[in-house]
Amino acid sequence: MRGARESTNIGLMSSNTKAKILSAGARIIHLKGYHNTGIQELVTAAGIPKGSFYFYFKSKEEFGLELLDYYTNSICAMVDEPLKDNTISPLSKLRRFFDWSFTSLEGNDFKGGCPIGNLSQEMADINENFREKLKDAFDAIKKGIAIHLKEAQESKEISDSLDVPELTDFIVSSFQGALLQMKVTRSTAPRKAFEQMIFERILKGENSSNL
């Protein structure tokens, strides 16, 4: 029994240490990028010896790919969280996610943005492993957004004539562009344009024209 407990404790410590590295890396790379972040900086932030990094990750690339899963799970959790609230409409649920994302960027002095979008710009052209993982990340995020849109159709909040997969692609692309423009202009104007076009014109406008 003692051996089993010790083995469990070691496993928990190992899991916690790996989580600390990923959490520290997520904060740093979100602001500085993948290439501008060194392993020494990661382990210093995590409070572990540099040699320990290679116990959990064979290379920086392996770490980066696992970090993408970490980012994706976090973002998908934020997309899915409003689904639990049955007191608001489907579009309000979807809008809550975008509000959170935009407000986070504004509160961070327009630095950061979407980590998946940032890494797409930095890595998709030069590393095929990253490109494939980034595609999977966007697919997962789109899946969550599509659920909200389908709920909106079922509740007659938006028109049945809207193609949900096509609409989801357009919304995600527009959202990423708005975040990028906010970072460049250090302004909330792109957010306002996104919200007006998506929620006030494309969704509500299409619905009202078909009632």
N, C-alpha and C. Protein backbone atom coordinates (compact mmCIF):
# COMPACT_ATOMS: atom_id res chain seq x y z
N MET A 1 0.82 -1.22 0.00
CA MET A 1 0.00 0.00 0.00
C MET A 1 0.85 1.26 0.00
N ARG A 2 1.95 1.20 0.81
CA ARG A 2 2.82 2.36 0.88
C ARG A 2 3.44 2.66 -0.49
N GLY A 3 3.86 1.59 -1.19
CA GLY A 3 4.45 1.78 -2.51
C GLY A 3 3.48 2.39 -3.49
N ALA A 4 2.23 1.96 -3.40
CA ALA A 4 1.20 2.50 -4.29
C ALA A 4 0.97 3.97 -4.02
N ARG A 5 0.93 4.34 -2.72
CA ARG A 5 0.73 5.75 -2.36
C ARG A 5 1.89 6.61 -2.84
N GLU A 6 3.12 6.11 -2.66
CA GLU A 6 4.29 6.86 -3.10
C GLU A 6 4.29 7.04 -4.61
N SER A 7 3.90 5.98 -5.32
CA SER A 7 3.84 6.06 -6.78
C SER A 7 2.80 7.10 -7.21
N THR A 8 1.64 7.12 -6.52
CA THR A 8 0.60 8.09 -6.83
C THR A 8 1.07 9.51 -6.57
N ASN A 9 1.76 9.70 -5.44
CA ASN A 9 2.26 11.03 -5.09
C ASN A 9 3.28 11.52 -6.10
N ILE A 10 4.17 10.62 -6.53
CA ILE A 10 5.17 10.99 -7.54
C ILE A 10 4.48 11.37 -8.85
N GLY A 11 3.44 10.61 -9.20
CA GLY A 11 2.70 10.92 -10.43
C GLY A 11 2.02 12.27 -10.36
N LEU A 12 1.46 12.60 -9.19
CA LEU A 12 0.81 13.90 -9.02
C LEU A 12 1.82 15.03 -9.09
N MET A 13 2.98 14.83 -8.46
CA MET A 13 4.02 15.85 -8.50
C MET A 13 4.49 16.07 -9.92
N SER A 14 4.65 14.97 -10.67
CA SER A 14 5.08 15.07 -12.06
C SER A 14 4.05 15.83 -12.89
N SER A 15 2.78 15.49 -12.69
CA SER A 15 1.70 16.15 -13.42
C SER A 15 1.63 17.63 -13.07
N ASN A 16 1.80 17.96 -11.79
CA ASN A 16 1.74 19.35 -11.35
C ASN A 16 2.90 20.16 -11.93
N THR A 17 4.09 19.54 -11.97
CA THR A 17 5.25 20.25 -12.51
C THR A 17 5.07 20.55 -13.99
N LYS A 18 4.57 19.57 -14.73
CA LYS A 18 4.33 19.77 -16.15
C LYS A 18 3.29 20.86 -16.36
N ALA A 19 2.26 20.86 -15.53
CA ALA A 19 1.22 21.88 -15.63
C ALA A 19 1.80 23.27 -15.33
N LYS A 20 2.73 23.35 -14.39
CA LYS A 20 3.36 24.63 -14.06
C LYS A 20 4.16 25.16 -15.24
N ILE A 21 4.86 24.26 -15.93
CA ILE A 21 5.64 24.69 -17.10
C ILE A 21 4.71 25.20 -18.19
N LEU A 22 3.63 24.47 -18.45
CA LEU A 22 2.68 24.88 -19.48
C LEU A 22 2.00 26.20 -19.12
N SER A 23 1.62 26.35 -17.85
CA SER A 23 0.96 27.58 -17.42
C SER A 23 1.89 28.77 -17.54
N ALA A 24 3.14 28.60 -17.10
CA ALA A 24 4.11 29.69 -17.21
C ALA A 24 4.39 30.02 -18.67
N GLY A 25 4.55 28.97 -19.47
CA GLY A 25 4.81 29.18 -20.90
C GLY A 25 3.65 29.86 -21.60
N ALA A 26 2.43 29.50 -21.20
CA ALA A 26 1.26 30.11 -21.82
C ALA A 26 1.24 31.62 -21.62
N ARG A 27 1.58 32.06 -20.42
CA ARG A 27 1.59 33.50 -20.13
C ARG A 27 2.67 34.22 -20.93
N ILE A 28 3.86 33.64 -20.95
CA ILE A 28 4.99 34.31 -21.61
C ILE A 28 4.84 34.33 -23.12
N ILE A 29 4.54 33.18 -23.70
CA ILE A 29 4.44 33.08 -25.17
C ILE A 29 3.25 33.87 -25.70
N HIS A 30 2.20 33.98 -24.90
CA HIS A 30 1.05 34.78 -25.31
C HIS A 30 1.46 36.22 -25.61
N LEU A 31 2.40 36.73 -24.84
CA LEU A 31 2.83 38.13 -25.00
C LEU A 31 4.07 38.30 -25.86
N LYS A 32 4.99 37.32 -25.82
CA LYS A 32 6.27 37.47 -26.52
C LYS A 32 6.39 36.65 -27.79
N GLY A 33 5.57 35.62 -27.93
CA GLY A 33 5.67 34.75 -29.08
C GLY A 33 6.55 33.54 -28.80
N TYR A 34 6.45 32.57 -29.68
CA TYR A 34 7.18 31.31 -29.51
C TYR A 34 8.69 31.50 -29.68
N HIS A 35 9.09 32.13 -30.77
CA HIS A 35 10.52 32.26 -31.06
C HIS A 35 11.24 33.19 -30.09
N ASN A 36 10.54 34.15 -29.55
CA ASN A 36 11.17 35.11 -28.63
C ASN A 36 11.21 34.62 -27.19
N THR A 37 10.77 33.40 -26.96
CA THR A 37 10.77 32.84 -25.62
C THR A 37 11.75 31.67 -25.54
N GLY A 38 12.70 31.75 -24.63
CA GLY A 38 13.69 30.70 -24.47
C GLY A 38 13.31 29.71 -23.38
N ILE A 39 13.90 28.54 -23.42
CA ILE A 39 13.61 27.51 -22.43
C ILE A 39 14.01 27.97 -21.03
N GLN A 40 15.13 28.68 -20.93
CA GLN A 40 15.56 29.16 -19.61
C GLN A 40 14.51 30.09 -19.01
N GLU A 41 13.93 30.92 -19.83
CA GLU A 41 12.89 31.83 -19.35
C GLU A 41 11.67 31.04 -18.86
N LEU A 42 11.34 29.97 -19.57
CA LEU A 42 10.20 29.15 -19.20
C LEU A 42 10.40 28.49 -17.84
N VAL A 43 11.57 27.86 -17.66
CA VAL A 43 11.80 27.13 -16.41
C VAL A 43 11.98 28.08 -15.23
N THR A 44 12.55 29.25 -15.50
CA THR A 44 12.69 30.24 -14.43
C THR A 44 11.31 30.68 -13.95
N ALA A 45 10.42 30.93 -14.89
CA ALA A 45 9.07 31.35 -14.54
C ALA A 45 8.31 30.23 -13.81
N ALA A 46 8.61 28.98 -14.19
CA ALA A 46 7.94 27.85 -13.55
C ALA A 46 8.58 27.47 -12.23
N GLY A 47 9.79 27.99 -11.98
CA GLY A 47 10.48 27.70 -10.73
C GLY A 47 11.07 26.31 -10.65
N ILE A 48 11.60 25.81 -11.80
CA ILE A 48 12.19 24.48 -11.83
C ILE A 48 13.56 24.55 -12.49
N PRO A 49 14.43 23.56 -12.27
CA PRO A 49 15.74 23.53 -12.95
C PRO A 49 15.56 23.32 -14.45
N LYS A 50 16.50 23.82 -15.23
CA LYS A 50 16.38 23.71 -16.68
C LYS A 50 16.37 22.26 -17.13
N GLY A 51 17.15 21.42 -16.45
CA GLY A 51 17.19 20.01 -16.83
C GLY A 51 15.86 19.32 -16.71
N SER A 52 15.01 19.81 -15.81
CA SER A 52 13.70 19.20 -15.61
C SER A 52 12.79 19.38 -16.82
N PHE A 53 13.04 20.43 -17.58
CA PHE A 53 12.21 20.67 -18.77
C PHE A 53 12.24 19.46 -19.69
N TYR A 54 13.41 18.89 -19.88
CA TYR A 54 13.56 17.79 -20.83
C TYR A 54 13.06 16.46 -20.29
N PHE A 55 12.71 16.43 -19.01
CA PHE A 55 12.06 15.25 -18.46
C PHE A 55 10.61 15.18 -18.95
N TYR A 56 10.01 16.34 -19.16
CA TYR A 56 8.60 16.41 -19.57
C TYR A 56 8.42 16.62 -21.06
N PHE A 57 9.40 17.26 -21.69
CA PHE A 57 9.30 17.56 -23.13
C PHE A 57 10.64 17.23 -23.80
N LYS A 58 10.57 16.50 -24.91
CA LYS A 58 11.80 16.12 -25.61
C LYS A 58 12.47 17.32 -26.27
N SER A 59 11.68 18.33 -26.59
CA SER A 59 12.22 19.49 -27.30
C SER A 59 11.30 20.67 -27.07
N LYS A 60 11.75 21.84 -27.49
CA LYS A 60 10.89 23.02 -27.40
C LYS A 60 9.69 22.87 -28.32
N GLU A 61 9.88 22.22 -29.47
CA GLU A 61 8.76 22.02 -30.39
C GLU A 61 7.68 21.16 -29.75
N GLU A 62 8.10 20.08 -29.08
CA GLU A 62 7.11 19.23 -28.42
C GLU A 62 6.35 20.02 -27.36
N PHE A 63 7.08 20.86 -26.63
CA PHE A 63 6.43 21.73 -25.65
C PHE A 63 5.42 22.65 -26.34
N GLY A 64 5.83 23.26 -27.45
CA GLY A 64 4.95 24.18 -28.17
C GLY A 64 3.67 23.51 -28.66
N LEU A 65 3.79 22.27 -29.12
CA LEU A 65 2.61 21.55 -29.60
C LEU A 65 1.66 21.21 -28.45
N GLU A 66 2.24 20.84 -27.30
CA GLU A 66 1.38 20.57 -26.14
C GLU A 66 0.78 21.88 -25.60
N LEU A 67 1.52 22.95 -25.74
CA LEU A 67 0.99 24.24 -25.32
C LEU A 67 -0.22 24.63 -26.16
N LEU A 68 -0.21 24.27 -27.42
CA LEU A 68 -1.37 24.54 -28.27
C LEU A 68 -2.60 23.81 -27.76
N ASP A 69 -2.43 22.58 -27.30
CA ASP A 69 -3.55 21.86 -26.69
C ASP A 69 -4.04 22.59 -25.44
N TYR A 70 -3.10 23.08 -24.66
CA TYR A 70 -3.41 23.83 -23.44
C TYR A 70 -4.24 25.07 -23.77
N TYR A 71 -3.79 25.82 -24.77
CA TYR A 71 -4.53 27.01 -25.19
C TYR A 71 -5.92 26.64 -25.71
N THR A 72 -5.97 25.60 -26.55
CA THR A 72 -7.24 25.20 -27.16
C THR A 72 -8.25 24.79 -26.11
N ASN A 73 -7.81 23.99 -25.15
CA ASN A 73 -8.72 23.56 -24.09
C ASN A 73 -9.25 24.75 -23.29
N SER A 74 -8.38 25.73 -23.04
CA SER A 74 -8.80 26.91 -22.28
C SER A 74 -9.82 27.73 -23.05
N ILE A 75 -9.57 27.94 -24.33
CA ILE A 75 -10.47 28.74 -25.15
C ILE A 75 -11.81 28.02 -25.33
N CYS A 76 -11.76 26.72 -25.61
CA CYS A 76 -13.00 25.96 -25.79
C CYS A 76 -13.83 25.97 -24.51
N ALA A 77 -13.17 25.94 -23.38
CA ALA A 77 -13.90 26.01 -22.11
C ALA A 77 -14.64 27.33 -21.99
N MET A 78 -14.01 28.41 -22.46
CA MET A 78 -14.66 29.72 -22.42
C MET A 78 -15.82 29.79 -23.42
N VAL A 79 -15.68 29.11 -24.57
CA VAL A 79 -16.78 29.08 -25.54
C VAL A 79 -17.95 28.28 -24.98
N ASP A 80 -17.64 27.17 -24.31
CA ASP A 80 -18.68 26.27 -23.82
C ASP A 80 -19.34 26.74 -22.53
N GLU A 81 -18.65 27.53 -21.74
CA GLU A 81 -19.15 27.92 -20.43
C GLU A 81 -20.55 28.54 -20.48
N PRO A 82 -20.83 29.46 -21.41
CA PRO A 82 -22.17 30.07 -21.42
C PRO A 82 -23.30 29.07 -21.70
N LEU A 83 -22.97 27.90 -22.27
CA LEU A 83 -24.01 26.92 -22.57
C LEU A 83 -24.75 26.47 -21.31
N LYS A 84 -24.07 26.60 -20.17
CA LYS A 84 -24.66 26.17 -18.91
C LYS A 84 -25.72 27.15 -18.39
N ASP A 85 -25.71 28.35 -18.93
CA ASP A 85 -26.63 29.39 -18.45
C ASP A 85 -27.89 29.39 -19.30
N ASN A 86 -28.97 28.89 -18.76
CA ASN A 86 -30.23 28.80 -19.51
C ASN A 86 -31.11 30.04 -19.32
N THR A 87 -30.56 31.06 -18.66
CA THR A 87 -31.34 32.28 -18.43
C THR A 87 -31.16 33.30 -19.55
N ILE A 88 -30.24 33.04 -20.48
CA ILE A 88 -29.99 33.97 -21.57
C ILE A 88 -30.14 33.26 -22.90
N SER A 89 -30.33 34.03 -23.95
CA SER A 89 -30.57 33.46 -25.28
C SER A 89 -29.27 32.90 -25.87
N PRO A 90 -29.38 32.04 -26.89
CA PRO A 90 -28.19 31.48 -27.53
C PRO A 90 -27.21 32.53 -28.06
N LEU A 91 -27.73 33.58 -28.69
CA LEU A 91 -26.83 34.61 -29.20
C LEU A 91 -26.16 35.38 -28.06
N SER A 92 -26.87 35.56 -26.97
CA SER A 92 -26.27 36.21 -25.80
C SER A 92 -25.16 35.35 -25.23
N LYS A 93 -25.36 34.04 -25.26
CA LYS A 93 -24.31 33.13 -24.82
C LYS A 93 -23.06 33.28 -25.69
N LEU A 94 -23.27 33.31 -27.00
CA LEU A 94 -22.16 33.45 -27.92
C LEU A 94 -21.47 34.80 -27.74
N ARG A 95 -22.27 35.82 -27.57
CA ARG A 95 -21.72 37.16 -27.42
C ARG A 95 -20.89 37.28 -26.14
N ARG A 96 -21.23 36.52 -25.13
CA ARG A 96 -20.48 36.56 -23.87
C ARG A 96 -19.03 36.13 -24.09
N PHE A 97 -18.82 35.12 -24.94
CA PHE A 97 -17.46 34.68 -25.23
C PHE A 97 -16.66 35.78 -25.91
N PHE A 98 -17.25 36.42 -26.92
CA PHE A 98 -16.54 37.48 -27.62
C PHE A 98 -16.29 38.67 -26.70
N ASP A 99 -17.26 38.99 -25.86
CA ASP A 99 -17.08 40.08 -24.89
C ASP A 99 -15.87 39.79 -24.00
N TRP A 100 -15.78 38.56 -23.52
CA TRP A 100 -14.66 38.17 -22.66
C TRP A 100 -13.33 38.36 -23.40
N SER A 101 -13.26 37.91 -24.64
CA SER A 101 -12.02 38.00 -25.42
C SER A 101 -11.62 39.44 -25.68
N PHE A 102 -12.56 40.24 -26.13
CA PHE A 102 -12.26 41.64 -26.42
C PHE A 102 -11.88 42.41 -25.15
N THR A 103 -12.64 42.19 -24.09
CA THR A 103 -12.38 42.89 -22.84
C THR A 103 -11.02 42.51 -22.26
N SER A 104 -10.64 41.25 -22.40
CA SER A 104 -9.32 40.81 -21.92
C SER A 104 -8.21 41.54 -22.67
N LEU A 105 -8.37 41.69 -23.98
CA LEU A 105 -7.36 42.39 -24.78
C LEU A 105 -7.29 43.86 -24.39
N GLU A 106 -8.43 44.48 -24.22
CA GLU A 106 -8.47 45.89 -23.83
C GLU A 106 -7.82 46.08 -22.45
N GLY A 107 -8.12 45.17 -21.53
CA GLY A 107 -7.58 45.28 -20.18
C GLY A 107 -6.09 45.04 -20.10
N ASN A 108 -5.54 44.43 -21.15
CA ASN A 108 -4.10 44.16 -21.20
C ASN A 108 -3.39 45.15 -22.10
N ASP A 109 -3.96 46.36 -22.22
CA ASP A 109 -3.37 47.43 -23.02
C ASP A 109 -3.19 47.00 -24.48
N PHE A 110 -4.16 46.25 -24.98
CA PHE A 110 -4.18 45.80 -26.38
C PHE A 110 -2.98 44.92 -26.73
N LYS A 111 -2.51 44.16 -25.77
CA LYS A 111 -1.41 43.22 -26.00
C LYS A 111 -1.90 41.81 -25.72
N GLY A 112 -1.47 40.87 -26.52
CA GLY A 112 -1.88 39.49 -26.33
C GLY A 112 -2.83 39.04 -27.42
N GLY A 113 -4.12 39.17 -27.17
CA GLY A 113 -5.09 38.73 -28.15
C GLY A 113 -5.32 37.23 -28.07
N CYS A 114 -5.67 36.62 -29.19
CA CYS A 114 -5.92 35.18 -29.23
C CYS A 114 -4.60 34.44 -29.42
N PRO A 115 -4.21 33.58 -28.49
CA PRO A 115 -2.94 32.87 -28.63
C PRO A 115 -2.90 31.95 -29.84
N ILE A 116 -4.05 31.40 -30.21
CA ILE A 116 -4.10 30.53 -31.40
C ILE A 116 -3.86 31.37 -32.65
N GLY A 117 -4.50 32.53 -32.72
CA GLY A 117 -4.29 33.42 -33.85
C GLY A 117 -2.86 33.91 -33.93
N ASN A 118 -2.28 34.25 -32.78
CA ASN A 118 -0.90 34.73 -32.75
C ASN A 118 0.06 33.68 -33.27
N LEU A 119 -0.10 32.44 -32.78
CA LEU A 119 0.81 31.37 -33.20
C LEU A 119 0.57 30.98 -34.66
N SER A 120 -0.64 31.17 -35.15
CA SER A 120 -0.91 30.90 -36.57
C SER A 120 -0.08 31.83 -37.44
N GLN A 121 -0.02 33.10 -37.07
CA GLN A 121 0.77 34.06 -37.83
C GLN A 121 2.27 33.76 -37.73
N GLU A 122 2.68 33.30 -36.57
CA GLU A 122 4.11 33.08 -36.34
C GLU A 122 4.61 31.75 -36.88
N MET A 123 3.79 30.69 -36.80
CA MET A 123 4.31 29.35 -37.02
C MET A 123 3.72 28.58 -38.20
N ALA A 124 2.53 28.92 -38.64
CA ALA A 124 1.85 28.10 -39.65
C ALA A 124 2.62 27.99 -40.96
N ASP A 125 3.32 29.05 -41.34
CA ASP A 125 4.06 29.05 -42.61
C ASP A 125 5.36 28.27 -42.55
N ILE A 126 5.90 28.07 -41.36
CA ILE A 126 7.26 27.54 -41.27
C ILE A 126 7.36 26.18 -40.59
N ASN A 127 6.27 25.68 -40.00
CA ASN A 127 6.34 24.41 -39.31
C ASN A 127 5.05 23.64 -39.55
N GLU A 128 5.14 22.53 -40.29
CA GLU A 128 3.96 21.77 -40.66
C GLU A 128 3.27 21.15 -39.44
N ASN A 129 4.03 20.73 -38.45
CA ASN A 129 3.44 20.16 -37.25
C ASN A 129 2.58 21.19 -36.53
N PHE A 130 3.09 22.40 -36.46
CA PHE A 130 2.31 23.48 -35.84
C PHE A 130 1.08 23.79 -36.68
N ARG A 131 1.26 23.83 -38.00
CA ARG A 131 0.12 24.17 -38.87
C ARG A 131 -1.03 23.18 -38.68
N GLU A 132 -0.71 21.89 -38.63
CA GLU A 132 -1.76 20.89 -38.45
C GLU A 132 -2.42 21.02 -37.08
N LYS A 133 -1.61 21.26 -36.06
CA LYS A 133 -2.16 21.42 -34.71
C LYS A 133 -3.02 22.68 -34.61
N LEU A 134 -2.59 23.74 -35.28
CA LEU A 134 -3.36 24.99 -35.28
C LEU A 134 -4.70 24.81 -35.99
N LYS A 135 -4.70 24.05 -37.08
CA LYS A 135 -5.96 23.75 -37.78
C LYS A 135 -6.91 23.01 -36.85
N ASP A 136 -6.37 22.03 -36.12
CA ASP A 136 -7.21 21.30 -35.17
C ASP A 136 -7.77 22.23 -34.10
N ALA A 137 -6.95 23.19 -33.67
CA ALA A 137 -7.38 24.14 -32.65
C ALA A 137 -8.55 24.98 -33.16
N PHE A 138 -8.42 25.50 -34.37
CA PHE A 138 -9.51 26.30 -34.93
C PHE A 138 -10.77 25.45 -35.14
N ASP A 139 -10.59 24.21 -35.57
CA ASP A 139 -11.74 23.33 -35.76
C ASP A 139 -12.49 23.12 -34.45
N ALA A 140 -11.74 22.96 -33.35
CA ALA A 140 -12.37 22.75 -32.05
C ALA A 140 -13.13 24.00 -31.60
N ILE A 141 -12.54 25.17 -31.82
CA ILE A 141 -13.20 26.42 -31.43
C ILE A 141 -14.45 26.65 -32.27
N LYS A 142 -14.34 26.37 -33.57
CA LYS A 142 -15.50 26.53 -34.46
C LYS A 142 -16.63 25.59 -34.06
N LYS A 143 -16.29 24.40 -33.62
CA LYS A 143 -17.32 23.44 -33.21
C LYS A 143 -18.17 24.01 -32.07
N GLY A 144 -17.51 24.65 -31.10
CA GLY A 144 -18.24 25.24 -29.99
C GLY A 144 -19.11 26.40 -30.42
N ILE A 145 -18.59 27.24 -31.30
CA ILE A 145 -19.36 28.38 -31.78
C ILE A 145 -20.56 27.92 -32.60
N ALA A 146 -20.36 26.87 -33.39
CA ALA A 146 -21.47 26.33 -34.20
C ALA A 146 -22.61 25.83 -33.33
N ILE A 147 -22.30 25.30 -32.16
CA ILE A 147 -23.35 24.82 -31.25
C ILE A 147 -24.25 25.98 -30.84
N HIS A 148 -23.64 27.13 -30.52
CA HIS A 148 -24.42 28.31 -30.16
C HIS A 148 -25.31 28.75 -31.32
N LEU A 149 -24.76 28.74 -32.52
CA LEU A 149 -25.53 29.18 -33.69
C LEU A 149 -26.68 28.23 -33.99
N LYS A 150 -26.44 26.94 -33.82
CA LYS A 150 -27.52 25.97 -34.05
C LYS A 150 -28.63 26.15 -33.01
N GLU A 151 -28.23 26.42 -31.79
CA GLU A 151 -29.23 26.69 -30.75
C GLU A 151 -30.05 27.93 -31.12
N ALA A 152 -29.36 28.94 -31.67
CA ALA A 152 -30.05 30.17 -32.06
C ALA A 152 -31.05 29.90 -33.18
N GLN A 153 -30.71 29.02 -34.09
CA GLN A 153 -31.66 28.66 -35.14
C GLN A 153 -32.85 27.90 -34.56
N GLU A 154 -32.58 26.97 -33.66
CA GLU A 154 -33.65 26.17 -33.06
C GLU A 154 -34.63 27.04 -32.27
N SER A 155 -34.10 28.11 -31.68
CA SER A 155 -34.96 29.00 -30.89
C SER A 155 -35.54 30.13 -31.74
N LYS A 156 -35.30 30.07 -33.05
CA LYS A 156 -35.80 31.08 -33.99
C LYS A 156 -35.19 32.46 -33.75
N GLU A 157 -34.02 32.49 -33.13
CA GLU A 157 -33.34 33.76 -32.90
C GLU A 157 -32.63 34.23 -34.16
N ILE A 158 -32.22 33.29 -35.01
CA ILE A 158 -31.65 33.61 -36.32
C ILE A 158 -32.35 32.74 -37.36
N SER A 159 -32.21 33.12 -38.61
CA SER A 159 -32.91 32.45 -39.69
C SER A 159 -32.38 31.04 -39.95
N ASP A 160 -33.30 30.14 -40.33
CA ASP A 160 -32.92 28.78 -40.73
C ASP A 160 -32.16 28.78 -42.05
N SER A 161 -32.26 29.86 -42.79
CA SER A 161 -31.60 29.91 -44.10
C SER A 161 -30.08 30.09 -44.00
N LEU A 162 -29.60 30.48 -42.83
CA LEU A 162 -28.16 30.68 -42.65
C LEU A 162 -27.45 29.33 -42.59
N ASP A 163 -26.36 29.22 -43.33
CA ASP A 163 -25.54 28.02 -43.32
C ASP A 163 -24.59 28.09 -42.13
N VAL A 164 -24.81 27.27 -41.11
CA VAL A 164 -24.05 27.38 -39.86
C VAL A 164 -22.55 27.17 -40.05
N PRO A 165 -22.09 26.13 -40.77
CA PRO A 165 -20.64 25.98 -40.96
C PRO A 165 -20.01 27.19 -41.66
N GLU A 166 -20.68 27.67 -42.69
CA GLU A 166 -20.16 28.84 -43.43
C GLU A 166 -20.15 30.08 -42.55
N LEU A 167 -21.23 30.27 -41.81
CA LEU A 167 -21.33 31.41 -40.91
C LEU A 167 -20.27 31.34 -39.81
N THR A 168 -20.05 30.14 -39.28
CA THR A 168 -19.03 29.96 -38.24
C THR A 168 -17.66 30.34 -38.75
N ASP A 169 -17.31 29.88 -39.95
CA ASP A 169 -16.01 30.23 -40.55
C ASP A 169 -15.87 31.74 -40.67
N PHE A 170 -16.94 32.38 -41.14
CA PHE A 170 -16.88 33.83 -41.34
C PHE A 170 -16.73 34.57 -40.02
N ILE A 171 -17.46 34.14 -39.01
CA ILE A 171 -17.40 34.81 -37.71
C ILE A 171 -16.01 34.66 -37.09
N VAL A 172 -15.45 33.45 -37.15
CA VAL A 172 -14.11 33.24 -36.57
C VAL A 172 -13.06 34.07 -37.32
N SER A 173 -13.15 34.11 -38.64
CA SER A 173 -12.20 34.91 -39.41
C SER A 173 -12.34 36.39 -39.08
N SER A 174 -13.57 36.86 -38.96
CA SER A 174 -13.81 38.27 -38.63
C SER A 174 -13.31 38.59 -37.23
N PHE A 175 -13.54 37.67 -36.32
CA PHE A 175 -13.12 37.83 -34.93
C PHE A 175 -11.60 37.94 -34.84
N GLN A 176 -10.89 37.05 -35.54
CA GLN A 176 -9.43 37.10 -35.52
C GLN A 176 -8.92 38.40 -36.13
N GLY A 177 -9.56 38.84 -37.20
CA GLY A 177 -9.17 40.11 -37.82
C GLY A 177 -9.41 41.29 -36.91
N ALA A 178 -10.53 41.27 -36.17
CA ALA A 178 -10.83 42.36 -35.25
C ALA A 178 -9.80 42.43 -34.13
N LEU A 179 -9.42 41.27 -33.59
CA LEU A 179 -8.39 41.25 -32.55
C LEU A 179 -7.07 41.81 -33.07
N LEU A 180 -6.70 41.41 -34.27
CA LEU A 180 -5.45 41.88 -34.86
C LEU A 180 -5.48 43.39 -35.06
N GLN A 181 -6.59 43.92 -35.57
CA GLN A 181 -6.70 45.35 -35.79
C GLN A 181 -6.72 46.13 -34.48
N MET A 182 -7.31 45.56 -33.44
CA MET A 182 -7.29 46.21 -32.13
C MET A 182 -5.87 46.34 -31.61
N LYS A 183 -5.06 45.31 -31.82
CA LYS A 183 -3.67 45.35 -31.37
C LYS A 183 -2.88 46.41 -32.14
N VAL A 184 -3.13 46.51 -33.43
CA VAL A 184 -2.40 47.45 -34.28
C VAL A 184 -2.82 48.90 -34.00
N THR A 185 -4.12 49.11 -33.87
CA THR A 185 -4.62 50.48 -33.69
C THR A 185 -4.71 50.88 -32.22
N ARG A 186 -4.63 49.89 -31.32
CA ARG A 186 -4.85 50.13 -29.89
C ARG A 186 -6.15 50.91 -29.69
N SER A 187 -7.17 50.36 -30.31
CA SER A 187 -8.49 51.01 -30.32
C SER A 187 -9.58 49.96 -30.20
N THR A 188 -10.72 50.35 -29.67
CA THR A 188 -11.88 49.46 -29.58
C THR A 188 -12.75 49.53 -30.84
N ALA A 189 -12.37 50.37 -31.80
CA ALA A 189 -13.19 50.52 -33.01
C ALA A 189 -13.39 49.20 -33.75
N PRO A 190 -12.36 48.36 -33.93
CA PRO A 190 -12.58 47.08 -34.62
C PRO A 190 -13.57 46.19 -33.88
N ARG A 191 -13.55 46.23 -32.56
CA ARG A 191 -14.51 45.45 -31.77
C ARG A 191 -15.93 45.92 -32.08
N LYS A 192 -16.12 47.22 -32.06
CA LYS A 192 -17.45 47.77 -32.30
C LYS A 192 -17.94 47.42 -33.70
N ALA A 193 -17.03 47.46 -34.68
CA ALA A 193 -17.41 47.12 -36.05
C ALA A 193 -17.80 45.65 -36.16
N PHE A 194 -17.03 44.79 -35.49
CA PHE A 194 -17.33 43.35 -35.48
C PHE A 194 -18.70 43.10 -34.88
N GLU A 195 -18.94 43.66 -33.72
CA GLU A 195 -20.21 43.42 -33.01
C GLU A 195 -21.40 43.94 -33.82
N GLN A 196 -21.22 45.11 -34.43
CA GLN A 196 -22.32 45.68 -35.20
C GLN A 196 -22.63 44.84 -36.44
N MET A 197 -21.57 44.44 -37.17
CA MET A 197 -21.78 43.69 -38.41
C MET A 197 -22.32 42.28 -38.13
N ILE A 198 -21.74 41.60 -37.14
CA ILE A 198 -22.14 40.22 -36.88
C ILE A 198 -23.50 40.15 -36.19
N PHE A 199 -23.63 40.85 -35.07
CA PHE A 199 -24.82 40.67 -34.24
C PHE A 199 -25.99 41.56 -34.62
N GLU A 200 -25.70 42.74 -35.17
CA GLU A 200 -26.80 43.67 -35.47
C GLU A 200 -27.24 43.60 -36.93
N ARG A 201 -26.35 43.21 -37.82
CA ARG A 201 -26.71 43.20 -39.24
C ARG A 201 -26.85 41.78 -39.80
N ILE A 202 -25.76 41.02 -39.77
CA ILE A 202 -25.78 39.70 -40.41
C ILE A 202 -26.76 38.76 -39.73
N LEU A 203 -26.73 38.68 -38.42
CA LEU A 203 -27.60 37.75 -37.71
C LEU A 203 -29.01 38.30 -37.55
N LYS A 204 -29.16 39.46 -36.94
CA LYS A 204 -30.49 40.02 -36.75
C LYS A 204 -31.13 40.45 -38.06
N GLY A 205 -30.32 41.02 -38.95
CA GLY A 205 -30.85 41.49 -40.22
C GLY A 205 -31.37 40.36 -41.07
N GLU A 206 -30.60 39.26 -41.11
CA GLU A 206 -31.03 38.12 -41.89
C GLU A 206 -32.30 37.49 -41.31
N ASN A 207 -32.36 37.50 -39.98
CA ASN A 207 -33.53 36.91 -39.34
C ASN A 207 -34.78 37.73 -39.60
N SER A 208 -34.66 39.06 -39.43
CA SER A 208 -35.83 39.91 -39.58
C SER A 208 -36.35 39.93 -41.02
N SER A 209 -35.44 39.75 -41.98
CA SER A 209 -35.85 39.79 -43.39
C SER A 209 -36.58 38.53 -43.81
N ASN A 210 -36.49 37.47 -42.97
CA ASN A 210 -37.11 36.22 -43.33
C ASN A 210 -38.30 35.86 -42.46
N LEU A 211 -38.70 36.78 -41.57
CA LEU A 211 -39.84 36.52 -40.70
C LEU A 211 -41.14 36.82 -41.44
